[in-house]
Structure formats: C-alpha cells, structure tokens
C-alpha cells in the first residue's frame, strides 16, 4: 500500500496515500465555540468548510507549537455513513512510499504509549518504527471525537 509518512508529536506515522487529497501550508483556523481539543475548529479548503483535527489528542500525545514544517493534510476518511473530508495537523510531512501491510507487526501489549485500538499496526521505514493510525476508528469513537465525526457526517 502507498502511504504518506509524517512526523506527529516526535513520532513517525503513516497514512494511506489513497486518503490524501492535498497537503496545505497552515491556513487560518476558525475556532468553534465549546469545541474540544481533538477538533477545535474549521478551515476553508478551496471554498469548502473542513473540520480540522489533531490526531495527537486521540493518540494521547502532547500538543506542539507550529513550526515552519507544520502542514495540514486534507483527507477523505472512511466513516460509517460513507466518506468525510477532514484536515489533520502534521509536524512535518516526509514522503510518499510503499509499505507492505502483510509485514506489519501487531501492537505490543506494553511499551506503546498510544491507545492500541487506534492503530492498525507498526511497520518499519528506513530503520525506524512507523505507527499506522486507524483513521476510521479514531474519527468514529469516543466523546472527544464525537463532535468531529458529527461535523464530518453533516458536512459531507
């Protein structure tokens, strides 16, 4: 499978390239009153209103200040009701590469600081461990993500 590799909270992550619409330099975020930290606001992507989510929140990572490498990835995410468009933050986008999904390792029971239910597995890229987040589970779970999932379903 082709994946987009990125840095998030100091960790290497990979997302399916087929979900990627585009990569943006940071754009202004319209804060949504009473929105949680997972999906704090909305952005304008070519005239469309798109929820902005921070996967660091779902994965239990600390927030980080934006740098010159920060990007917003616009993704089409699978949801129970179809596909929704969302933007996520990345500390740095690295590469599009191929990853053999049959060689993914299971999530170990200890030593991993991410919620295992939000990961598809762990692979290796250039000698470094790469976590593959399960976007569908992240966006369809829990109270923290509920508002983002609702916004996705209503907007698309």
Protein backbone atom coordinates (compact mmCIF):
# COMPACT_ATOMS: atom_id res chain seq x y z
CA UNK A 1 0.00 0.00 0.00
CA UNK A 2 1.22 3.52 -0.73
CA UNK A 3 1.46 5.63 2.42
CA UNK A 4 2.29 9.20 3.34
CA UNK A 5 4.88 9.33 6.10
CA UNK A 6 4.81 12.17 8.57
CA UNK A 7 6.04 13.28 11.96
CA UNK A 8 3.50 13.78 14.69
CA UNK A 9 4.47 14.58 18.25
CA UNK A 10 8.02 13.42 17.57
CA UNK A 11 6.80 10.05 16.29
CA UNK A 12 6.80 8.62 12.78
CA UNK A 13 3.32 7.90 11.40
CA UNK A 14 2.00 6.67 8.06
CA UNK A 15 -1.42 7.23 6.50
CA UNK A 16 -2.87 5.57 3.38
CA UNK A 17 -1.97 7.77 0.40
CA UNK A 18 -5.36 6.94 -1.16
CA UNK A 19 -7.00 9.05 1.61
CA UNK A 20 -4.86 12.11 0.87
CA UNK A 21 -6.46 14.92 -1.12
CA UNK A 22 -3.81 17.56 -0.65
CA UNK A 23 -1.16 18.98 1.67
CA UNK A 24 -1.52 22.61 2.72
CA UNK A 25 0.68 25.14 4.40
CA UNK A 26 -1.15 26.19 7.60
CA UNK A 27 -4.22 28.32 6.90
CA UNK A 28 -6.33 30.36 9.34
CA UNK A 29 -8.48 28.26 11.68
CA UNK A 30 -11.95 29.41 12.69
CA UNK A 31 -12.38 28.29 16.27
CA UNK A 32 -15.68 26.61 17.08
CA UNK A 33 -17.15 27.64 20.46
CA UNK A 34 -17.07 24.82 23.02
CA UNK A 35 -15.25 22.50 20.59
CA UNK A 36 -12.91 20.03 22.23
CA UNK A 37 -9.16 19.84 21.65
CA UNK A 38 -9.46 16.99 19.12
CA UNK A 39 -11.37 19.10 16.56
CA UNK A 40 -11.00 22.70 17.69
CA UNK A 41 -12.08 24.46 14.52
CA UNK A 42 -12.76 24.66 10.82
CA UNK A 43 -10.66 25.66 7.82
CA UNK A 44 -11.54 26.81 4.32
CA UNK A 45 -10.25 24.45 1.63
CA UNK A 46 -11.00 25.89 -1.80
CA UNK A 47 -14.36 27.22 -0.64
CA UNK A 48 -15.36 24.11 1.35
CA UNK A 49 -15.67 24.12 5.14
CA UNK A 50 -13.49 21.31 6.53
CA UNK A 51 -13.09 20.30 10.21
CA UNK A 52 -9.52 20.45 11.49
CA UNK A 53 -8.48 17.61 13.81
CA UNK A 54 -5.36 16.97 15.84
CA UNK A 55 -4.50 13.26 15.96
CA UNK A 56 -2.13 13.96 18.85
CA UNK A 57 -5.17 14.36 21.10
CA UNK A 58 -6.65 10.97 20.15
CA UNK A 59 -3.25 9.30 20.46
CA UNK A 60 -2.51 10.83 23.87
CA UNK A 61 0.40 12.96 22.67
CA UNK A 62 1.33 16.40 23.95
CA UNK A 63 0.39 19.40 21.79
CA UNK A 64 3.25 21.12 19.99
CA UNK A 65 3.64 24.63 18.66
CA UNK A 66 3.56 25.07 14.89
CA UNK A 67 6.88 25.40 13.08
CA UNK A 68 7.87 26.18 9.51
CA UNK A 69 7.47 22.45 8.75
CA UNK A 70 3.88 22.20 10.07
CA UNK A 71 1.35 21.16 7.44
CA UNK A 72 -2.36 20.41 7.17
CA UNK A 73 -3.26 17.21 5.36
CA UNK A 74 -6.72 17.16 3.79
CA UNK A 75 -8.00 13.58 3.90
CA UNK A 76 -11.05 11.61 2.81
CA UNK A 77 -11.76 9.47 5.87
CA UNK A 78 -13.98 6.36 5.84
CA UNK A 79 -16.97 6.70 8.16
CA UNK A 80 -19.96 4.52 8.95
CA UNK A 81 -22.14 6.68 6.68
CA UNK A 82 -19.63 6.94 3.83
CA UNK A 83 -16.58 9.13 3.39
CA UNK A 84 -15.99 12.51 5.03
CA UNK A 85 -13.35 15.16 4.46
CA UNK A 86 -11.19 16.31 7.34
CA UNK A 87 -7.88 18.11 7.74
CA UNK A 88 -5.30 16.97 10.25
CA UNK A 89 -2.18 18.62 11.56
CA UNK A 90 1.28 17.16 10.93
CA UNK A 91 4.51 18.46 12.40
CA UNK A 92 6.28 17.51 9.16
CA UNK A 93 5.33 15.59 6.01
CA UNK A 94 8.18 13.36 4.86
CA UNK A 95 7.48 11.16 1.85
CA UNK A 96 5.07 9.01 -0.11
CA UNK A 97 6.33 5.45 -0.08
CA UNK A 98 5.19 1.86 -0.34
CA UNK A 99 4.63 -0.25 2.76
CA UNK A 100 3.96 -3.98 2.79
CA UNK A 101 0.88 -4.30 5.01
CA UNK A 102 1.49 -8.05 5.42
CA UNK A 103 4.72 -7.23 7.26
CA UNK A 104 3.09 -5.01 9.89
CA UNK A 105 3.71 -6.05 13.46
CA UNK A 106 0.88 -6.30 15.96
CA UNK A 107 0.66 -3.63 18.61
CA UNK A 108 2.66 -4.80 21.64
CA UNK A 109 0.79 -5.05 24.94
CA UNK A 110 3.42 -2.98 26.75
CA UNK A 111 5.79 -0.21 25.79
CA UNK A 112 3.44 1.62 23.45
CA UNK A 113 2.08 4.92 24.62
CA UNK A 114 -0.69 5.17 22.03
CA UNK A 115 -4.14 3.63 22.53
CA UNK A 116 -3.76 0.29 20.71
CA UNK A 117 -7.36 0.37 19.46
CA UNK A 118 -6.44 3.41 17.35
CA UNK A 119 -3.60 1.69 15.49
CA UNK A 120 -3.63 -0.74 12.57
CA UNK A 121 -0.10 -1.89 13.30
CA UNK A 122 3.54 -0.90 13.42
CA UNK A 123 5.92 -1.13 10.49
CA UNK A 124 9.44 -0.04 9.67
CA UNK A 125 10.65 2.61 7.25
CA UNK A 126 14.34 3.46 6.83
CA UNK A 127 15.10 1.55 10.03
CA UNK A 128 12.59 3.49 12.12
CA UNK A 129 9.32 2.28 13.62
CA UNK A 130 6.22 3.70 11.94
CA UNK A 131 2.76 3.64 13.50
CA UNK A 132 -0.26 3.37 11.22
CA UNK A 133 -3.26 5.09 12.84
CA UNK A 134 -6.71 3.62 12.19
CA UNK A 135 -8.41 6.78 10.93
CA UNK A 136 -11.88 5.25 10.82
CA UNK A 137 -11.74 4.16 14.47
CA UNK A 138 -10.24 7.46 15.59
CA UNK A 139 -12.92 9.55 13.90
CA UNK A 140 -15.83 7.31 14.88
CA UNK A 141 -15.02 6.80 18.56
CA UNK A 142 -15.50 8.39 21.91
CA UNK A 143 -16.95 11.64 23.19
CA UNK A 144 -13.83 13.64 22.33
CA UNK A 145 -14.09 12.66 18.70
CA UNK A 146 -17.90 12.70 18.53
CA UNK A 147 -18.14 16.34 17.51
CA UNK A 148 -15.64 15.85 14.68
CA UNK A 149 -17.44 12.77 13.40
CA UNK A 150 -20.76 14.61 13.51
CA UNK A 151 -19.29 17.58 11.64
CA UNK A 152 -17.84 15.25 9.03
CA UNK A 153 -21.13 13.41 8.51
CA UNK A 154 -23.17 16.62 8.33
CA UNK A 155 -20.71 18.42 6.05
CA UNK A 156 -20.23 15.63 3.52
